[in-house]
Amino acid sequence: MKKDIIVILILLSIFVAIGILLVSATTTPVTSTFYGSVKISGSNAPVGTVIKAYIASAECGSFTVISEGWYIIPVFPNDTDYPGCGEENDKVTFTINEGDAGTTGIWHKDTLLTPGQVLDLDTNPPIGCSLTADCSACTDWVSATRPHGAPGSCTGDGCVRNSGVGHYDQACCNGKVSGIISP
């Protein structure tokens, strides 16, 4: 009787394990992964730089740089969670801080033998109002010396701006947009 119970428990454990494997295999989306270096005008992209992947107008993946100059981004397949996203041989476009990365890739399902595609990204020239761009590419500069950043005709060094994060996070230094580390 004890042997029968042990055999039943072993069989039950095997069936539960197989069920878990089947469920996880069907719920994990297969992606097309891209990775490589990321630069802004030839310089390594700083930590915090946002890379996004699109297929047509659908955003299908994003990654925030955590190691200066490097990225890895899974681009999701077309399904109910990601409508309009990847199908075999779709063209993938990329942005760096919302500006065109100037490079495209092709969506291919990752496999054990092809775990991703190397694709180096670089903006050249600087994009819009991003870090390292010329200060003239940005608007809404205010004087850092006026009370509470009162608006003025500030366009050069010593000016600050809020890029949309709720506090002054950018400054104009030596004619280039720089990040402010703390608000």
N, C-alpha and C. Protein backbone atom coordinates (compact mmCIF):
# COMPACT_ATOMS: atom_id res chain seq x y z
N MET A 1 0.82 -1.20 0.00
CA MET A 1 0.00 0.00 0.00
C MET A 1 0.86 1.26 0.00
N LYS A 2 1.94 1.26 0.83
CA LYS A 2 2.83 2.41 0.84
C LYS A 2 3.49 2.60 -0.52
N LYS A 3 3.86 1.50 -1.16
CA LYS A 3 4.48 1.59 -2.49
C LYS A 3 3.51 2.19 -3.49
N ASP A 4 2.25 1.83 -3.42
CA ASP A 4 1.24 2.37 -4.33
C ASP A 4 1.10 3.88 -4.15
N ILE A 5 1.08 4.33 -2.92
CA ILE A 5 0.95 5.77 -2.63
C ILE A 5 2.18 6.52 -3.15
N ILE A 6 3.36 5.95 -2.97
CA ILE A 6 4.59 6.59 -3.44
C ILE A 6 4.58 6.67 -4.96
N VAL A 7 4.20 5.58 -5.63
CA VAL A 7 4.13 5.58 -7.09
C VAL A 7 3.12 6.62 -7.58
N ILE A 8 1.97 6.70 -6.94
CA ILE A 8 0.94 7.68 -7.32
C ILE A 8 1.47 9.09 -7.12
N LEU A 9 2.15 9.36 -6.01
CA LEU A 9 2.70 10.69 -5.77
C LEU A 9 3.78 11.05 -6.79
N ILE A 10 4.60 10.09 -7.16
CA ILE A 10 5.63 10.35 -8.18
C ILE A 10 4.98 10.66 -9.52
N LEU A 11 4.00 9.85 -9.92
CA LEU A 11 3.30 10.10 -11.18
C LEU A 11 2.59 11.45 -11.17
N LEU A 12 1.94 11.77 -10.05
CA LEU A 12 1.26 13.05 -9.92
C LEU A 12 2.26 14.20 -10.04
N SER A 13 3.43 14.08 -9.42
CA SER A 13 4.48 15.11 -9.51
C SER A 13 4.95 15.28 -10.95
N ILE A 14 5.12 14.17 -11.66
CA ILE A 14 5.55 14.24 -13.05
C ILE A 14 4.51 14.96 -13.91
N PHE A 15 3.22 14.63 -13.72
CA PHE A 15 2.16 15.28 -14.49
C PHE A 15 2.08 16.78 -14.18
N VAL A 16 2.25 17.15 -12.91
CA VAL A 16 2.23 18.57 -12.54
C VAL A 16 3.42 19.28 -13.19
N ALA A 17 4.61 18.68 -13.16
CA ALA A 17 5.79 19.29 -13.77
C ALA A 17 5.60 19.47 -15.27
N ILE A 18 5.06 18.46 -15.94
CA ILE A 18 4.81 18.56 -17.38
C ILE A 18 3.79 19.67 -17.66
N GLY A 19 2.76 19.76 -16.84
CA GLY A 19 1.76 20.81 -17.01
C GLY A 19 2.36 22.19 -16.85
N ILE A 20 3.22 22.37 -15.87
CA ILE A 20 3.87 23.67 -15.66
C ILE A 20 4.75 24.01 -16.86
N LEU A 21 5.49 23.05 -17.36
CA LEU A 21 6.33 23.30 -18.54
C LEU A 21 5.50 23.68 -19.75
N LEU A 22 4.40 23.00 -19.97
CA LEU A 22 3.54 23.32 -21.12
C LEU A 22 2.93 24.70 -21.00
N VAL A 23 2.47 25.07 -19.81
CA VAL A 23 1.88 26.39 -19.60
C VAL A 23 2.93 27.47 -19.80
N SER A 24 4.13 27.29 -19.24
CA SER A 24 5.15 28.32 -19.39
C SER A 24 5.61 28.42 -20.83
N ALA A 25 5.64 27.32 -21.56
CA ALA A 25 6.06 27.35 -22.96
C ALA A 25 5.05 28.07 -23.83
N THR A 26 3.77 28.01 -23.48
CA THR A 26 2.76 28.65 -24.31
C THR A 26 2.52 30.09 -23.91
N THR A 27 2.94 30.52 -22.71
CA THR A 27 2.69 31.90 -22.30
C THR A 27 3.91 32.79 -22.46
N THR A 28 5.07 32.25 -22.72
CA THR A 28 6.26 33.05 -22.91
C THR A 28 6.35 33.46 -24.38
N PRO A 29 6.26 34.77 -24.67
CA PRO A 29 6.32 35.16 -26.08
C PRO A 29 7.72 34.95 -26.64
N VAL A 30 7.78 34.56 -27.89
CA VAL A 30 9.05 34.43 -28.58
C VAL A 30 9.37 35.81 -29.15
N THR A 31 10.54 36.32 -28.84
CA THR A 31 10.91 37.65 -29.29
C THR A 31 11.97 37.58 -30.37
N SER A 32 12.27 38.74 -30.92
CA SER A 32 13.42 38.92 -31.79
C SER A 32 14.30 39.91 -31.06
N THR A 33 15.45 39.47 -30.59
CA THR A 33 16.29 40.30 -29.74
C THR A 33 17.40 40.97 -30.54
N PHE A 34 17.61 42.24 -30.27
CA PHE A 34 18.70 43.00 -30.88
C PHE A 34 19.59 43.51 -29.76
N TYR A 35 20.89 43.54 -30.00
CA TYR A 35 21.81 44.05 -28.99
C TYR A 35 23.06 44.59 -29.67
N GLY A 36 23.79 45.42 -28.95
CA GLY A 36 25.03 45.98 -29.49
C GLY A 36 25.38 47.29 -28.82
N SER A 37 26.20 48.05 -29.52
CA SER A 37 26.61 49.35 -28.98
C SER A 37 25.55 50.38 -29.35
N VAL A 38 25.45 51.41 -28.51
CA VAL A 38 24.54 52.53 -28.80
C VAL A 38 25.30 53.82 -28.54
N LYS A 39 25.30 54.68 -29.55
CA LYS A 39 26.05 55.93 -29.46
C LYS A 39 25.15 57.09 -29.86
N ILE A 40 25.50 58.24 -29.34
CA ILE A 40 24.84 59.48 -29.73
C ILE A 40 25.94 60.35 -30.33
N SER A 41 25.86 60.56 -31.63
CA SER A 41 26.86 61.32 -32.38
C SER A 41 28.27 60.79 -32.15
N GLY A 42 28.42 59.47 -32.16
CA GLY A 42 29.73 58.87 -32.04
C GLY A 42 30.23 58.63 -30.63
N SER A 43 29.52 59.18 -29.63
CA SER A 43 29.92 58.98 -28.22
C SER A 43 28.99 57.97 -27.58
N ASN A 44 29.54 57.16 -26.67
CA ASN A 44 28.71 56.18 -25.97
C ASN A 44 27.48 56.83 -25.35
N ALA A 45 26.32 56.23 -25.58
CA ALA A 45 25.08 56.75 -24.99
C ALA A 45 25.15 56.59 -23.47
N PRO A 46 24.77 57.62 -22.72
CA PRO A 46 24.86 57.53 -21.26
C PRO A 46 23.77 56.66 -20.66
N VAL A 47 24.00 56.24 -19.43
CA VAL A 47 22.99 55.51 -18.67
C VAL A 47 21.72 56.36 -18.65
N GLY A 48 20.57 55.73 -18.84
CA GLY A 48 19.30 56.45 -18.86
C GLY A 48 18.78 56.72 -20.27
N THR A 49 19.62 56.55 -21.28
CA THR A 49 19.19 56.72 -22.67
C THR A 49 18.12 55.67 -22.98
N VAL A 50 17.04 56.09 -23.65
CA VAL A 50 15.94 55.17 -23.95
C VAL A 50 15.97 54.77 -25.43
N ILE A 51 16.00 53.45 -25.66
CA ILE A 51 15.95 52.87 -26.99
C ILE A 51 14.56 52.28 -27.16
N LYS A 52 13.89 52.55 -28.28
CA LYS A 52 12.59 51.95 -28.57
C LYS A 52 12.64 51.29 -29.94
N ALA A 53 11.88 50.20 -30.07
CA ALA A 53 11.79 49.48 -31.34
C ALA A 53 10.36 49.56 -31.85
N TYR A 54 10.21 49.80 -33.15
CA TYR A 54 8.90 49.93 -33.78
C TYR A 54 8.81 49.04 -35.00
N ILE A 55 7.60 48.53 -35.22
CA ILE A 55 7.26 47.91 -36.49
C ILE A 55 6.09 48.72 -37.01
N ALA A 56 6.30 49.37 -38.15
CA ALA A 56 5.37 50.38 -38.65
C ALA A 56 5.21 51.42 -37.53
N SER A 57 3.99 51.68 -37.05
CA SER A 57 3.82 52.67 -35.99
C SER A 57 3.63 52.05 -34.61
N ALA A 58 3.71 50.72 -34.52
CA ALA A 58 3.51 50.03 -33.23
C ALA A 58 4.82 49.96 -32.46
N GLU A 59 4.79 50.43 -31.19
CA GLU A 59 5.96 50.28 -30.32
C GLU A 59 5.99 48.83 -29.84
N CYS A 60 7.08 48.13 -30.13
CA CYS A 60 7.15 46.69 -29.87
C CYS A 60 8.23 46.31 -28.88
N GLY A 61 8.92 47.28 -28.31
CA GLY A 61 9.93 47.00 -27.30
C GLY A 61 10.63 48.28 -26.90
N SER A 62 11.17 48.29 -25.67
CA SER A 62 11.95 49.44 -25.23
C SER A 62 13.00 48.98 -24.22
N PHE A 63 14.04 49.78 -24.09
CA PHE A 63 15.14 49.46 -23.18
C PHE A 63 15.76 50.76 -22.73
N THR A 64 16.06 50.86 -21.44
CA THR A 64 16.78 52.00 -20.89
C THR A 64 18.21 51.56 -20.62
N VAL A 65 19.17 52.29 -21.19
CA VAL A 65 20.59 51.93 -21.07
C VAL A 65 20.99 51.90 -19.59
N ILE A 66 21.58 50.78 -19.17
CA ILE A 66 22.05 50.63 -17.78
C ILE A 66 23.57 50.51 -17.72
N SER A 67 24.21 50.32 -18.86
CA SER A 67 25.66 50.27 -18.95
C SER A 67 26.06 51.13 -20.14
N GLU A 68 26.76 52.22 -19.86
CA GLU A 68 27.07 53.21 -20.88
C GLU A 68 27.52 52.57 -22.19
N GLY A 69 26.81 52.94 -23.28
CA GLY A 69 27.20 52.53 -24.62
C GLY A 69 26.69 51.17 -25.07
N TRP A 70 25.85 50.48 -24.27
CA TRP A 70 25.38 49.14 -24.64
C TRP A 70 23.89 49.00 -24.42
N TYR A 71 23.24 48.19 -25.28
CA TYR A 71 21.81 47.95 -25.13
C TYR A 71 21.49 46.51 -25.51
N ILE A 72 20.33 46.04 -25.05
CA ILE A 72 19.73 44.78 -25.50
C ILE A 72 18.22 44.99 -25.44
N ILE A 73 17.53 44.71 -26.52
CA ILE A 73 16.10 44.99 -26.58
C ILE A 73 15.34 43.82 -27.21
N PRO A 74 14.42 43.22 -26.45
CA PRO A 74 13.55 42.20 -27.06
C PRO A 74 12.43 42.91 -27.82
N VAL A 75 12.20 42.49 -29.05
CA VAL A 75 11.12 43.05 -29.87
C VAL A 75 10.03 41.99 -29.93
N PHE A 76 8.87 42.33 -29.39
CA PHE A 76 7.81 41.35 -29.19
C PHE A 76 7.07 40.98 -30.47
N PRO A 77 6.47 39.78 -30.47
CA PRO A 77 5.72 39.33 -31.65
C PRO A 77 4.32 39.92 -31.68
N ASN A 78 3.69 39.82 -32.84
CA ASN A 78 2.31 40.25 -33.00
C ASN A 78 1.40 39.29 -32.23
N ASP A 79 0.74 39.79 -31.20
CA ASP A 79 -0.25 39.00 -30.46
C ASP A 79 -1.18 39.97 -29.75
N THR A 80 -2.06 39.46 -28.91
CA THR A 80 -3.05 40.33 -28.27
C THR A 80 -2.40 41.36 -27.35
N ASP A 81 -1.23 41.04 -26.76
CA ASP A 81 -0.55 42.01 -25.90
C ASP A 81 0.23 43.05 -26.71
N TYR A 82 0.64 42.69 -27.91
CA TYR A 82 1.44 43.57 -28.75
C TYR A 82 0.89 43.57 -30.18
N PRO A 83 -0.29 44.14 -30.38
CA PRO A 83 -0.87 44.14 -31.74
C PRO A 83 -0.01 44.96 -32.71
N GLY A 84 0.15 44.43 -33.89
CA GLY A 84 0.92 45.12 -34.93
C GLY A 84 2.41 44.91 -34.83
N CYS A 85 2.85 44.09 -33.87
CA CYS A 85 4.29 43.88 -33.69
C CYS A 85 4.78 42.74 -34.56
N GLY A 86 5.93 42.16 -34.19
CA GLY A 86 6.73 41.32 -35.06
C GLY A 86 6.13 40.08 -35.65
N GLU A 87 6.35 39.96 -36.94
CA GLU A 87 6.13 38.72 -37.70
C GLU A 87 7.37 38.53 -38.55
N GLU A 88 7.65 37.30 -38.90
CA GLU A 88 8.88 36.97 -39.62
C GLU A 88 9.12 37.93 -40.79
N ASN A 89 10.33 38.48 -40.85
CA ASN A 89 10.83 39.38 -41.90
C ASN A 89 10.27 40.80 -41.85
N ASP A 90 9.56 41.18 -40.78
CA ASP A 90 9.11 42.57 -40.64
C ASP A 90 10.32 43.49 -40.43
N LYS A 91 10.22 44.71 -40.95
CA LYS A 91 11.26 45.72 -40.75
C LYS A 91 11.09 46.35 -39.37
N VAL A 92 12.19 46.42 -38.61
CA VAL A 92 12.18 47.01 -37.27
C VAL A 92 12.98 48.31 -37.33
N THR A 93 12.38 49.42 -36.87
CA THR A 93 13.10 50.69 -36.79
C THR A 93 13.33 51.00 -35.32
N PHE A 94 14.33 51.82 -35.05
CA PHE A 94 14.73 52.12 -33.68
C PHE A 94 14.81 53.62 -33.47
N THR A 95 14.54 54.04 -32.22
CA THR A 95 14.77 55.43 -31.83
C THR A 95 15.70 55.44 -30.63
N ILE A 96 16.42 56.54 -30.51
CA ILE A 96 17.27 56.80 -29.35
C ILE A 96 16.77 58.11 -28.77
N ASN A 97 16.24 58.07 -27.56
CA ASN A 97 15.65 59.27 -26.93
C ASN A 97 14.66 59.95 -27.87
N GLU A 98 13.80 59.16 -28.51
CA GLU A 98 12.73 59.60 -29.41
C GLU A 98 13.21 60.08 -30.78
N GLY A 99 14.51 60.09 -31.04
CA GLY A 99 15.03 60.48 -32.35
C GLY A 99 15.41 59.25 -33.15
N ASP A 100 15.39 59.37 -34.45
CA ASP A 100 15.70 58.25 -35.34
C ASP A 100 17.11 57.74 -35.11
N ALA A 101 17.26 56.42 -34.94
CA ALA A 101 18.58 55.82 -34.73
C ALA A 101 19.30 55.58 -36.05
N GLY A 102 18.62 55.76 -37.17
CA GLY A 102 19.27 55.66 -38.46
C GLY A 102 19.63 54.24 -38.89
N THR A 103 19.13 53.24 -38.18
CA THR A 103 19.44 51.85 -38.49
C THR A 103 18.16 51.03 -38.39
N THR A 104 18.03 50.04 -39.26
CA THR A 104 16.88 49.15 -39.17
C THR A 104 17.35 47.71 -39.05
N GLY A 105 16.46 46.86 -38.57
CA GLY A 105 16.73 45.43 -38.47
C GLY A 105 15.56 44.66 -39.06
N ILE A 106 15.69 43.35 -39.10
CA ILE A 106 14.63 42.48 -39.59
C ILE A 106 14.21 41.55 -38.47
N TRP A 107 12.89 41.46 -38.22
CA TRP A 107 12.36 40.63 -37.14
C TRP A 107 12.46 39.16 -37.53
N HIS A 108 13.22 38.40 -36.74
CA HIS A 108 13.33 36.95 -36.88
C HIS A 108 13.17 36.35 -35.49
N LYS A 109 12.35 35.33 -35.38
CA LYS A 109 12.12 34.67 -34.10
C LYS A 109 13.44 34.13 -33.54
N ASP A 110 13.72 34.47 -32.24
CA ASP A 110 14.90 33.94 -31.58
C ASP A 110 14.77 32.44 -31.39
N THR A 111 15.88 31.74 -31.52
CA THR A 111 15.93 30.31 -31.23
C THR A 111 17.19 30.04 -30.42
N LEU A 112 17.37 28.82 -30.00
CA LEU A 112 18.59 28.48 -29.27
C LEU A 112 19.83 28.69 -30.14
N LEU A 113 19.70 28.48 -31.43
CA LEU A 113 20.84 28.65 -32.33
C LEU A 113 21.03 30.08 -32.78
N THR A 114 19.98 30.88 -32.75
CA THR A 114 20.05 32.29 -33.12
C THR A 114 19.42 33.11 -32.01
N PRO A 115 20.16 33.34 -30.90
CA PRO A 115 19.59 34.00 -29.73
C PRO A 115 19.45 35.51 -29.84
N GLY A 116 19.81 36.09 -30.94
CA GLY A 116 19.66 37.53 -31.11
C GLY A 116 20.52 38.02 -32.26
N GLN A 117 20.34 39.29 -32.60
CA GLN A 117 21.06 39.89 -33.71
C GLN A 117 21.86 41.08 -33.23
N VAL A 118 23.11 41.16 -33.64
CA VAL A 118 23.94 42.31 -33.29
C VAL A 118 23.59 43.45 -34.23
N LEU A 119 23.27 44.61 -33.67
CA LEU A 119 22.93 45.79 -34.45
C LEU A 119 23.42 47.00 -33.69
N ASP A 120 24.44 47.68 -34.18
CA ASP A 120 24.97 48.86 -33.52
C ASP A 120 24.16 50.08 -33.94
N LEU A 121 23.81 50.91 -32.95
CA LEU A 121 22.97 52.09 -33.18
C LEU A 121 23.80 53.35 -32.94
N ASP A 122 23.58 54.38 -33.76
CA ASP A 122 24.28 55.65 -33.58
C ASP A 122 23.46 56.75 -34.23
N THR A 123 23.29 57.84 -33.51
CA THR A 123 22.65 59.01 -34.11
C THR A 123 23.75 59.90 -34.62
N ASN A 124 23.60 60.39 -35.81
CA ASN A 124 24.59 61.28 -36.36
C ASN A 124 23.92 62.12 -37.43
N PRO A 125 23.73 63.39 -37.28
CA PRO A 125 24.15 64.26 -36.20
C PRO A 125 23.27 64.10 -34.96
N PRO A 126 23.53 64.90 -33.90
CA PRO A 126 22.72 64.79 -32.68
C PRO A 126 21.24 64.93 -32.99
N ILE A 127 20.43 64.20 -32.26
CA ILE A 127 18.99 64.22 -32.49
C ILE A 127 18.33 65.26 -31.60
N GLY A 128 17.42 65.99 -32.18
CA GLY A 128 16.58 66.92 -31.45
C GLY A 128 17.23 67.53 -30.22
N CYS A 129 16.49 67.51 -29.15
CA CYS A 129 16.93 68.10 -27.90
C CYS A 129 17.40 67.01 -26.95
N SER A 130 18.35 66.21 -27.36
CA SER A 130 18.86 65.14 -26.52
C SER A 130 20.16 65.57 -25.87
N LEU A 131 20.62 64.78 -24.92
CA LEU A 131 21.90 65.06 -24.28
C LEU A 131 22.98 65.09 -25.35
N THR A 132 23.89 66.01 -25.22
CA THR A 132 25.02 66.29 -26.12
C THR A 132 24.63 67.07 -27.37
N ALA A 133 23.33 67.33 -27.59
CA ALA A 133 22.92 68.14 -28.74
C ALA A 133 23.28 69.60 -28.49
N ASP A 134 23.32 70.40 -29.54
CA ASP A 134 23.52 71.84 -29.37
C ASP A 134 22.33 72.41 -28.60
N CYS A 135 22.59 73.33 -27.71
CA CYS A 135 21.52 73.92 -26.90
C CYS A 135 20.44 74.58 -27.76
N SER A 136 20.82 75.05 -28.93
CA SER A 136 19.85 75.71 -29.81
C SER A 136 18.77 74.74 -30.31
N ALA A 137 18.99 73.42 -30.18
CA ALA A 137 18.00 72.44 -30.60
C ALA A 137 16.84 72.35 -29.61
N CYS A 138 17.01 72.93 -28.42
CA CYS A 138 15.99 72.85 -27.37
C CYS A 138 15.26 74.18 -27.23
N THR A 139 14.05 74.08 -26.67
CA THR A 139 13.28 75.28 -26.36
C THR A 139 13.00 75.28 -24.86
N ASP A 140 12.31 76.30 -24.41
CA ASP A 140 11.88 76.41 -23.01
C ASP A 140 13.03 76.57 -22.02
N TRP A 141 14.15 77.12 -22.45
CA TRP A 141 15.25 77.39 -21.52
C TRP A 141 14.86 78.52 -20.60
N VAL A 142 15.26 78.46 -19.36
CA VAL A 142 15.04 79.55 -18.41
C VAL A 142 16.36 79.83 -17.72
N SER A 143 16.45 81.01 -17.13
CA SER A 143 17.67 81.39 -16.43
C SER A 143 17.74 80.68 -15.09
N ALA A 144 18.88 80.08 -14.81
CA ALA A 144 19.06 79.39 -13.53
C ALA A 144 19.23 80.40 -12.40
N THR A 145 19.50 81.68 -12.73
CA THR A 145 19.75 82.67 -11.69
C THR A 145 18.51 83.47 -11.33
N ARG A 146 17.43 83.37 -12.10
CA ARG A 146 16.20 84.07 -11.77
C ARG A 146 15.40 83.27 -10.75
N PRO A 147 14.61 83.93 -9.91
CA PRO A 147 13.83 83.21 -8.90
C PRO A 147 12.93 82.15 -9.54
N HIS A 148 13.01 80.94 -9.05
CA HIS A 148 12.19 79.82 -9.51
C HIS A 148 12.25 79.62 -11.01
N GLY A 149 13.38 79.98 -11.60
CA GLY A 149 13.55 79.75 -13.04
C GLY A 149 12.60 80.58 -13.87
N ALA A 150 12.40 81.83 -13.50
CA ALA A 150 11.48 82.69 -14.26
C ALA A 150 11.90 82.74 -15.71
N PRO A 151 10.92 82.65 -16.63
CA PRO A 151 11.25 82.65 -18.06
C PRO A 151 11.99 83.91 -18.46
N GLY A 152 12.88 83.75 -19.37
CA GLY A 152 13.62 84.87 -19.91
C GLY A 152 14.07 84.50 -21.30
N SER A 153 15.00 85.24 -21.82
CA SER A 153 15.49 84.93 -23.16
C SER A 153 16.80 84.15 -23.06
N CYS A 154 16.82 83.17 -22.20
CA CYS A 154 18.02 82.38 -21.95
C CYS A 154 18.17 81.31 -23.03
N THR A 155 19.30 81.32 -23.73
CA THR A 155 19.53 80.30 -24.77
C THR A 155 20.92 79.70 -24.69
N GLY A 156 21.76 80.15 -23.79
CA GLY A 156 23.14 79.68 -23.77
C GLY A 156 23.55 79.07 -22.45
N ASP A 157 24.85 79.09 -22.20
CA ASP A 157 25.38 78.48 -20.98
C ASP A 157 24.74 79.10 -19.74
N GLY A 158 24.46 78.26 -18.74
CA GLY A 158 23.84 78.71 -17.50
C GLY A 158 22.33 78.59 -17.52
N CYS A 159 21.76 78.22 -18.66
CA CYS A 159 20.31 78.05 -18.75
C CYS A 159 19.94 76.62 -18.34
N VAL A 160 18.72 76.47 -17.84
CA VAL A 160 18.22 75.15 -17.47
C VAL A 160 16.86 74.95 -18.10
N ARG A 161 16.41 73.68 -18.18
CA ARG A 161 15.08 73.39 -18.71
C ARG A 161 14.57 72.09 -18.12
N ASN A 162 13.25 71.96 -18.16
CA ASN A 162 12.56 70.74 -17.73
C ASN A 162 12.19 70.00 -19.01
N SER A 163 12.73 68.79 -19.19
CA SER A 163 12.45 68.03 -20.41
C SER A 163 11.15 67.25 -20.33
N GLY A 164 10.37 67.50 -19.25
CA GLY A 164 9.09 66.83 -19.10
C GLY A 164 9.05 65.89 -17.90
N VAL A 165 10.08 65.92 -17.07
CA VAL A 165 10.14 65.00 -15.92
C VAL A 165 9.65 65.65 -14.63
N GLY A 166 9.32 66.94 -14.65
CA GLY A 166 8.76 67.59 -13.47
C GLY A 166 9.76 68.45 -12.70
N HIS A 167 10.99 68.50 -13.12
CA HIS A 167 12.00 69.36 -12.49
C HIS A 167 13.06 69.69 -13.54
N TYR A 168 13.92 70.65 -13.21
CA TYR A 168 14.98 71.01 -14.15
C TYR A 168 15.98 69.86 -14.21
N ASP A 169 16.05 69.22 -15.37
CA ASP A 169 16.91 68.05 -15.52
C ASP A 169 17.96 68.23 -16.62
N GLN A 170 17.94 69.38 -17.31
CA GLN A 170 18.93 69.64 -18.34
C GLN A 170 19.50 71.04 -18.16
N ALA A 171 20.77 71.18 -18.51
CA ALA A 171 21.43 72.48 -18.45
C ALA A 171 22.23 72.66 -19.73
N CYS A 172 22.45 73.92 -20.09
CA CYS A 172 23.28 74.22 -21.25
C CYS A 172 24.68 74.53 -20.73
N CYS A 173 25.64 73.68 -21.12
CA CYS A 173 27.03 73.85 -20.69
C CYS A 173 27.93 73.75 -21.91
N ASN A 174 28.75 74.79 -22.12
CA ASN A 174 29.64 74.83 -23.28
C ASN A 174 28.87 74.63 -24.58
N GLY A 175 27.64 75.16 -24.63
CA GLY A 175 26.84 75.10 -25.84
C GLY A 175 26.17 73.76 -26.11
N LYS A 176 26.30 72.80 -25.19
CA LYS A 176 25.72 71.47 -25.37
C LYS A 176 24.75 71.16 -24.23
N VAL A 177 23.72 70.35 -24.54
CA VAL A 177 22.75 69.94 -23.53
C VAL A 177 23.41 68.92 -22.62
N SER A 178 23.34 69.18 -21.33
CA SER A 178 23.91 68.27 -20.33
C SER A 178 22.81 67.88 -19.35
N GLY A 179 22.96 66.74 -18.72
CA GLY A 179 22.01 66.30 -17.71
C GLY A 179 22.36 66.88 -16.36
N ILE A 180 21.32 67.13 -15.57
CA ILE A 180 21.49 67.55 -14.17
C ILE A 180 21.18 66.31 -13.33
N ILE A 181 22.10 65.90 -12.50
CA ILE A 181 21.94 64.63 -11.78
C ILE A 181 20.83 64.70 -10.74
N SER A 182 20.72 65.74 -9.95
CA SER A 182 19.67 65.78 -8.94
C SER A 182 18.83 67.03 -9.15
N PRO A 183 17.52 66.94 -8.85
CA PRO A 183 16.64 68.09 -9.07
C PRO A 183 16.94 69.22 -8.13
